[in-house]
C-alpha atoms as a PDB file:
ATOM      1  CA  MET A   1     152.783 107.195  35.229  1.00  0.00           C
ATOM      2  CA  ILE A   2     149.587 105.158  34.866  1.00  0.00           C
ATOM      3  CA  LYS A   3     146.370 106.998  35.719  1.00  0.00           C
ATOM      4  CA  THR A   4     142.952 105.441  36.310  1.00  0.00           C
ATOM      5  CA  LEU A   5     139.616 106.399  34.779  1.00  0.00           C
ATOM      6  CA  TYR A   6     136.376 104.906  36.069  1.00  0.00           C
ATOM      7  CA  LEU A   7     133.835 105.433  33.284  1.00  0.00           C
ATOM      8  CA  MET A   8     130.315 104.626  34.427  1.00  0.00           C
ATOM      9  CA  ARG A   9     126.925 104.451  32.751  1.00  0.00           C
ATOM     10  CA  HIS A  10     123.949 106.107  34.446  1.00  0.00           C
ATOM     11  CA  GLY A  11     121.270 104.217  36.364  1.00  0.00           C
ATOM     12  CA  GLN A  12     117.966 102.970  34.946  1.00  0.00           C
ATOM     13  CA  THR A  13     115.624 105.697  33.675  1.00  0.00           C
ATOM     14  CA  LEU A  14     111.946 105.938  32.873  1.00  0.00           C
ATOM     15  CA  PHE A  15     112.801 105.783  29.142  1.00  0.00           C
ATOM     16  CA  ASN A  16     114.860 102.619  29.712  1.00  0.00           C
ATOM     17  CA  VAL A  17     111.794 100.989  31.265  1.00  0.00           C
ATOM     18  CA  ARG A  18     109.501 102.215  28.487  1.00  0.00           C
ATOM     19  CA  ARG A  19     112.072 101.230  25.802  1.00  0.00           C
ATOM     20  CA  LYS A  20     112.335 104.730  24.350  1.00  0.00           C
ATOM     21  CA  ILE A  21     115.309 106.010  22.343  1.00  0.00           C
ATOM     22  CA  GLN A  22     117.169 108.273  24.739  1.00  0.00           C
ATOM     23  CA  GLY A  23     120.165 110.249  23.595  1.00  0.00           C
ATOM     24  CA  TRP A  24     120.296 113.997  24.140  1.00  0.00           C
ATOM     25  CA  CYS A  25     116.723 113.968  25.414  1.00  0.00           C
ATOM     26  CA  ASP A  26     116.480 113.045  29.074  1.00  0.00           C
ATOM     27  CA  ALA A  27     114.348 111.050  31.462  1.00  0.00           C
ATOM     28  CA  PRO A  28     114.608 110.804  35.251  1.00  0.00           C
ATOM     29  CA  LEU A  29     116.089 107.880  37.120  1.00  0.00           C
ATOM     30  CA  THR A  30     113.591 105.316  38.342  1.00  0.00           C
ATOM     31  CA  GLU A  31     113.585 104.135  41.948  1.00  0.00           C
ATOM     32  CA  LEU A  32     115.608 101.136  40.742  1.00  0.00           C
ATOM     33  CA  GLY A  33     118.022 103.480  38.958  1.00  0.00           C
ATOM     34  CA  GLU A  34     118.628 105.335  42.214  1.00  0.00           C
ATOM     35  CA  LYS A  35     119.321 102.049  44.026  1.00  0.00           C
ATOM     36  CA  GLN A  36     121.720 101.008  41.241  1.00  0.00           C
ATOM     37  CA  ALA A  37     123.687 104.233  41.648  1.00  0.00           C
ATOM     38  CA  ARG A  38     123.981 103.701  45.412  1.00  0.00           C
ATOM     39  CA  ILE A  39     125.191 100.109  44.852  1.00  0.00           C
ATOM     40  CA  ALA A  40     127.827 101.395  42.416  1.00  0.00           C
ATOM     41  CA  GLY A  41     128.874 103.827  45.124  1.00  0.00           C
ATOM     42  CA  GLN A  42     129.243 100.932  47.575  1.00  0.00           C
ATOM     43  CA  TYR A  43     131.660  99.293  45.127  1.00  0.00           C
ATOM     44  CA  PHE A  44     133.892 102.372  45.243  1.00  0.00           C
ATOM     45  CA  LYS A  45     133.740 102.525  49.055  1.00  0.00           C
ATOM     46  CA  LYS A  46     134.400  98.797  49.510  1.00  0.00           C
ATOM     47  CA  ASN A  47     137.463  99.022  47.269  1.00  0.00           C
ATOM     48  CA  GLU A  48     138.630 102.264  48.916  1.00  0.00           C
ATOM     49  CA  ILE A  49     138.615 104.138  45.622  1.00  0.00           C
ATOM     50  CA  ILE A  50     138.981 107.872  46.169  1.00  0.00           C
ATOM     51  CA  PHE A  51     138.590 110.214  43.215  1.00  0.00           C
ATOM     52  CA  ASP A  52     140.801 113.219  42.582  1.00  0.00           C
ATOM     53  CA  HIS A  53     138.128 114.617  40.292  1.00  0.00           C
ATOM     54  CA  ALA A  54     134.667 113.710  39.023  1.00  0.00           C
ATOM     55  CA  TYR A  55     132.847 114.572  35.796  1.00  0.00           C
ATOM     56  CA  SER A  56     129.382 113.977  34.417  1.00  0.00           C
ATOM     57  CA  SER A  57     127.466 114.329  31.217  1.00  0.00           C
ATOM     58  CA  THR A  58     125.169 117.358  31.397  1.00  0.00           C
ATOM     59  CA  SER A  59     122.139 115.036  31.271  1.00  0.00           C
ATOM     60  CA  GLU A  60     120.179 114.887  34.521  1.00  0.00           C
ATOM     61  CA  ARG A  61     120.234 111.085  34.593  1.00  0.00           C
ATOM     62  CA  ALA A  62     124.050 111.089  34.650  1.00  0.00           C
ATOM     63  CA  CYS A  63     124.370 113.939  37.193  1.00  0.00           C
ATOM     64  CA  ASP A  64     121.881 112.268  39.541  1.00  0.00           C
ATOM     65  CA  THR A  65     123.738 108.953  39.214  1.00  0.00           C
ATOM     66  CA  LEU A  66     127.050 110.584  40.133  1.00  0.00           C
ATOM     67  CA  GLU A  67     125.546 112.414  43.092  1.00  0.00           C
ATOM     68  CA  LEU A  68     123.941 109.233  44.443  1.00  0.00           C
ATOM     69  CA  ALA A  69     127.082 107.129  43.891  1.00  0.00           C
ATOM     70  CA  THR A  70     129.199 109.631  45.820  1.00  0.00           C
ATOM     71  CA  ASP A  71     126.592 110.458  48.507  1.00  0.00           C
ATOM     72  CA  GLY A  72     126.597 113.997  47.159  1.00  0.00           C
ATOM     73  CA  LYS A  73     130.069 114.512  48.633  1.00  0.00           C
ATOM     74  CA  ALA A  74     132.104 114.743  45.422  1.00  0.00           C
ATOM     75  CA  PRO A  75     132.224 118.085  43.641  1.00  0.00           C
ATOM     76  CA  TYR A  76     132.011 117.489  39.908  1.00  0.00           C
ATOM     77  CA  VAL A  77     132.089 119.222  36.552  1.00  0.00           C
ATOM     78  CA  ARG A  78     129.352 118.769  33.952  1.00  0.00           C
ATOM     79  CA  LEU A  79     130.614 118.342  30.379  1.00  0.00           C
ATOM     80  CA  LYS A  80     128.609 118.197  27.156  1.00  0.00           C
ATOM     81  CA  GLY A  81     131.381 116.043  25.676  1.00  0.00           C
ATOM     82  CA  LEU A  82     130.232 113.142  27.887  1.00  0.00           C
ATOM     83  CA  LYS A  83     126.644 113.219  26.599  1.00  0.00           C
ATOM     84  CA  GLU A  84     124.979 110.268  24.919  1.00  0.00           C
ATOM     85  CA  TRP A  85     124.872 109.801  21.161  1.00  0.00           C
ATOM     86  CA  ASN A  86     122.544 112.365  19.565  1.00  0.00           C
ATOM     87  CA  PHE A  87     119.875 110.280  17.823  1.00  0.00           C
ATOM     88  CA  GLY A  88     118.203 113.265  16.144  1.00  0.00           C
ATOM     89  CA  ILE A  89     114.472 113.555  15.615  1.00  0.00           C
ATOM     90  CA  ILE A  90     113.898 109.869  16.401  1.00  0.00           C
ATOM     91  CA  GLU A  91     114.573 110.512  20.094  1.00  0.00           C
ATOM     92  CA  GLY A  92     111.692 109.566  22.362  1.00  0.00           C
ATOM     93  CA  GLU A  93     110.417 106.984  19.859  1.00  0.00           C
ATOM     94  CA  SER A  94     110.352 103.218  20.414  1.00  0.00           C
ATOM     95  CA  GLU A  95     113.657 101.345  20.539  1.00  0.00           C
ATOM     96  CA  ASP A  96     112.087  98.971  17.996  1.00  0.00           C
ATOM     97  CA  LEU A  97     113.060 101.574  15.359  1.00  0.00           C
ATOM     98  CA  ASN A  98     116.791 101.168  16.088  1.00  0.00           C
ATOM     99  CA  PRO A  99     118.778  99.526  13.274  1.00  0.00           C
ATOM    100  CA  PRO A 100     121.028  96.530  13.973  1.00  0.00           C
ATOM    101  CA  LEU A 101     124.414  97.319  15.520  1.00  0.00           C
ATOM    102  CA  PRO A 102     126.778  98.885  14.671  1.00  0.00           C
ATOM    103  CA  TYR A 103     124.815 102.088  13.976  1.00  0.00           C
ATOM    104  CA  GLY A 104     127.466 103.816  11.859  1.00  0.00           C
ATOM    105  CA  ASP A 105     125.979 106.979  10.307  1.00  0.00           C
ATOM    106  CA  PHE A 106     122.344 105.809  10.443  1.00  0.00           C
ATOM    107  CA  PHE A 107     121.141 108.526  12.836  1.00  0.00           C
ATOM    108  CA  LYS A 108     123.196 111.203  11.078  1.00  0.00           C
ATOM    109  CA  ASP A 109     122.022 110.286   7.567  1.00  0.00           C
ATOM    110  CA  TYR A 110     118.342 109.774   8.316  1.00  0.00           C
ATOM    111  CA  TYR A 111     117.444 111.717  11.454  1.00  0.00           C
ATOM    112  CA  GLY A 112     119.847 114.655  11.802  1.00  0.00           C
ATOM    113  CA  GLY A 113     121.742 113.159  14.740  1.00  0.00           C
ATOM    114  CA  GLU A 114     125.374 112.160  15.125  1.00  0.00           C
ATOM    115  CA  GLY A 115     127.392 109.564  13.267  1.00  0.00           C
ATOM    116  CA  GLU A 116     129.440 107.000  15.150  1.00  0.00           C
ATOM    117  CA  MET A 117     132.756 108.721  14.375  1.00  0.00           C
ATOM    118  CA  GLN A 118     131.420 112.031  15.725  1.00  0.00           C
ATOM    119  CA  VAL A 119     130.393 110.408  19.010  1.00  0.00           C
ATOM    120  CA  GLN A 120     133.675 108.543  19.239  1.00  0.00           C
ATOM    121  CA  GLN A 121     135.852 111.589  18.574  1.00  0.00           C
ATOM    122  CA  ARG A 122     133.841 113.721  21.011  1.00  0.00           C
ATOM    123  CA  MET A 123     134.296 111.161  23.790  1.00  0.00           C
ATOM    124  CA  ILE A 124     137.997 110.628  23.015  1.00  0.00           C
ATOM    125  CA  LYS A 125     138.757 114.358  23.055  1.00  0.00           C
ATOM    126  CA  THR A 126     136.779 114.947  26.257  1.00  0.00           C
ATOM    127  CA  LEU A 127     138.335 112.061  28.177  1.00  0.00           C
ATOM    128  CA  GLU A 128     141.860 112.788  26.906  1.00  0.00           C
ATOM    129  CA  ASP A 129     141.478 116.427  27.975  1.00  0.00           C
ATOM    130  CA  ILE A 130     140.408 115.246  31.434  1.00  0.00           C
ATOM    131  CA  MET A 131     143.063 112.585  31.957  1.00  0.00           C
ATOM    132  CA  SER A 132     145.968 114.643  30.601  1.00  0.00           C
ATOM    133  CA  LYS A 133     145.674 117.113  33.480  1.00  0.00           C
ATOM    134  CA  ASP A 134     148.554 116.821  35.944  1.00  0.00           C
ATOM    135  CA  ASP A 135     146.474 116.479  39.107  1.00  0.00           C
ATOM    136  CA  HIS A 136     144.096 113.864  37.660  1.00  0.00           C
ATOM    137  CA  GLN A 137     145.289 110.431  38.859  1.00  0.00           C
ATOM    138  CA  VAL A 138     141.994 108.697  39.719  1.00  0.00           C
ATOM    139  CA  VAL A 139     138.912 110.063  37.963  1.00  0.00           C
ATOM    140  CA  LEU A 140     135.198 109.217  37.826  1.00  0.00           C
ATOM    141  CA  ALA A 141     133.227 110.113  34.691  1.00  0.00           C
ATOM    142  CA  VAL A 142     129.513 109.292  34.376  1.00  0.00           C
ATOM    143  CA  SER A 143     128.234 108.961  30.829  1.00  0.00           C
ATOM    144  CA  HIS A 144     125.953 106.769  28.702  1.00  0.00           C
ATOM    145  CA  GLY A 145     125.829 103.341  27.080  1.00  0.00           C
ATOM    146  CA  GLY A 146     126.162 104.302  23.412  1.00  0.00           C
ATOM    147  CA  SER A 147     128.877 106.893  23.890  1.00  0.00           C
ATOM    148  CA  CYS A 148     130.833 104.601  26.258  1.00  0.00           C
ATOM    149  CA  ARG A 149     130.675 101.757  23.715  1.00  0.00           C
ATOM    150  CA  ALA A 150     131.916 104.054  20.926  1.00  0.00           C
ATOM    151  CA  PHE A 151     134.834 105.110  23.147  1.00  0.00           C
ATOM    152  CA  MET A 152     135.640 101.487  24.037  1.00  0.00           C
ATOM    153  CA  ARG A 153     135.498 100.434  20.395  1.00  0.00           C
ATOM    154  CA  TYR A 154     138.158 102.979  19.465  1.00  0.00           C
ATOM    155  CA  TRP A 155     140.545 101.712  22.139  1.00  0.00           C
ATOM    156  CA  SER A 156     139.805  97.996  21.592  1.00  0.00           C
ATOM    157  CA  LYS A 157     143.381  97.407  20.349  1.00  0.00           C
ATOM    158  CA  ASN A 158     144.610  98.110  23.899  1.00  0.00           C
ATOM    159  CA  GLN A 159     141.963  96.290  25.909  1.00  0.00           C
ATOM    160  CA  LYS A 160     143.115  93.799  28.511  1.00  0.00           C
ATOM    161  CA  ILE A 161     139.605  92.412  28.971  1.00  0.00           C
ATOM    162  CA  ILE A 162     136.697  92.116  26.551  1.00  0.00           C
ATOM    163  CA  LEU A 163     133.251  93.391  27.526  1.00  0.00           C
ATOM    164  CA  LYS A 164     130.989  91.548  25.073  1.00  0.00           C
ATOM    165  CA  GLU A 165     127.756  91.862  27.008  1.00  0.00           C
ATOM    166  CA  LYS A 166     125.648  95.002  27.061  1.00  0.00           C
ATOM    167  CA  ILE A 167     126.915  97.925  29.114  1.00  0.00           C
ATOM    168  CA  GLY A 168     124.273  97.680  31.834  1.00  0.00           C
ATOM    169  CA  ASN A 169     122.964 100.486  33.983  1.00  0.00           C
ATOM    170  CA  CYS A 170     125.700 101.657  36.374  1.00  0.00           C
ATOM    171  CA  CYS A 171     128.271  99.412  34.705  1.00  0.00           C
ATOM    172  CA  ILE A 172     131.735 100.595  35.792  1.00  0.00           C
ATOM    173  CA  MET A 173     134.511 100.387  33.194  1.00  0.00           C
ATOM    174  CA  LYS A 174     138.013 100.768  34.587  1.00  0.00           C
ATOM    175  CA  PHE A 175     140.557 102.195  32.145  1.00  0.00           C
ATOM    176  CA  GLU A 176     144.242 102.772  32.566  1.00  0.00           C
ATOM    177  CA  TYR A 177     145.614 105.900  30.893  1.00  0.00           C
ATOM    178  CA  GLU A 178     149.268 106.220  29.975  1.00  0.00           C
ATOM    179  CA  ASN A 179     151.170 108.035  27.211  1.00  0.00           C
ATOM    180  CA  GLY A 180     147.941 109.375  25.708  1.00  0.00           C
ATOM    181  CA  GLU A 181     146.303 105.955  25.380  1.00  0.00           C
ATOM    182  CA  PHE A 182     143.497 104.170  27.221  1.00  0.00           C
ATOM    183  CA  SER A 183     143.184 100.460  27.930  1.00  0.00           C
ATOM    184  CA  LEU A 184     140.168  98.722  29.444  1.00  0.00           C
ATOM    185  CA  VAL A 185     141.401  96.636  32.373  1.00  0.00           C
ATOM    186  CA  ASP A 186     138.173  95.751  34.201  1.00  0.00           C
ATOM    187  CA  ALA A 187     134.396  96.017  33.872  1.00  0.00           C
ATOM    188  CA  ILE A 188     131.886  95.653  36.684  1.00  0.00           C
ATOM    189  CA  ASN A 189     128.436  94.896  35.292  1.00  0.00           C
ATOM    190  CA  HIS A 190     126.414  94.568  38.493  1.00  0.00           C
ATOM    191  CA  ASP A 191     123.684  91.955  38.808  1.00  0.00           C
ATOM    192  CA  PHE A 192     120.617  93.932  39.865  1.00  0.00           C
ATOM    193  CA  SER A 193     118.111  91.102  39.265  1.00  0.00           C
ATOM    194  CA  SER A 194     117.383  90.725  42.986  1.00  0.00           C
ATOM    195  CA  LEU A 195     116.189  94.346  43.088  1.00  0.00           C
ATOM    196  CA  MET A 196     113.559  93.919  40.357  1.00  0.00           C
END
């Protein structure tokens, strides 16, 4: 039986605006970030998507996004496995210090953070554990741009669509899960330009 995972990035944060490296460190949602989360929630309502279960990274920006997107009506579980890439001691510094993509082991080798394979395996294990549960047919998980991209990259062989552009704030990635494998079947990268 095919199950559905909606994997969503959090809304805009203060560090996003200030172009700060934000992994395991946290910054609050901006007013725009809160609006983005509510708009993502409207997408779910409009399409009559009802979640069996909901999960969030333990970071405040992800929890707040989930709560706003579900009008605070969806109970959810916080999981460290859904956290953003750990960028080590460079966190909070300017994004200008980021190397070109893909990052590989840059943050692990130079700053005591995680390597790409660590992030990828953490996300795969967490999301497989979630989706393999019998009563989990339609699931929402709120996470982060870097960790979502690492997860997508692993399952690229199965993807039915290609998301080349950046995973924007509150981007919703729809995955199908069957026989222990994920495939990306849709991506909703909202256009928030009218809100800015």
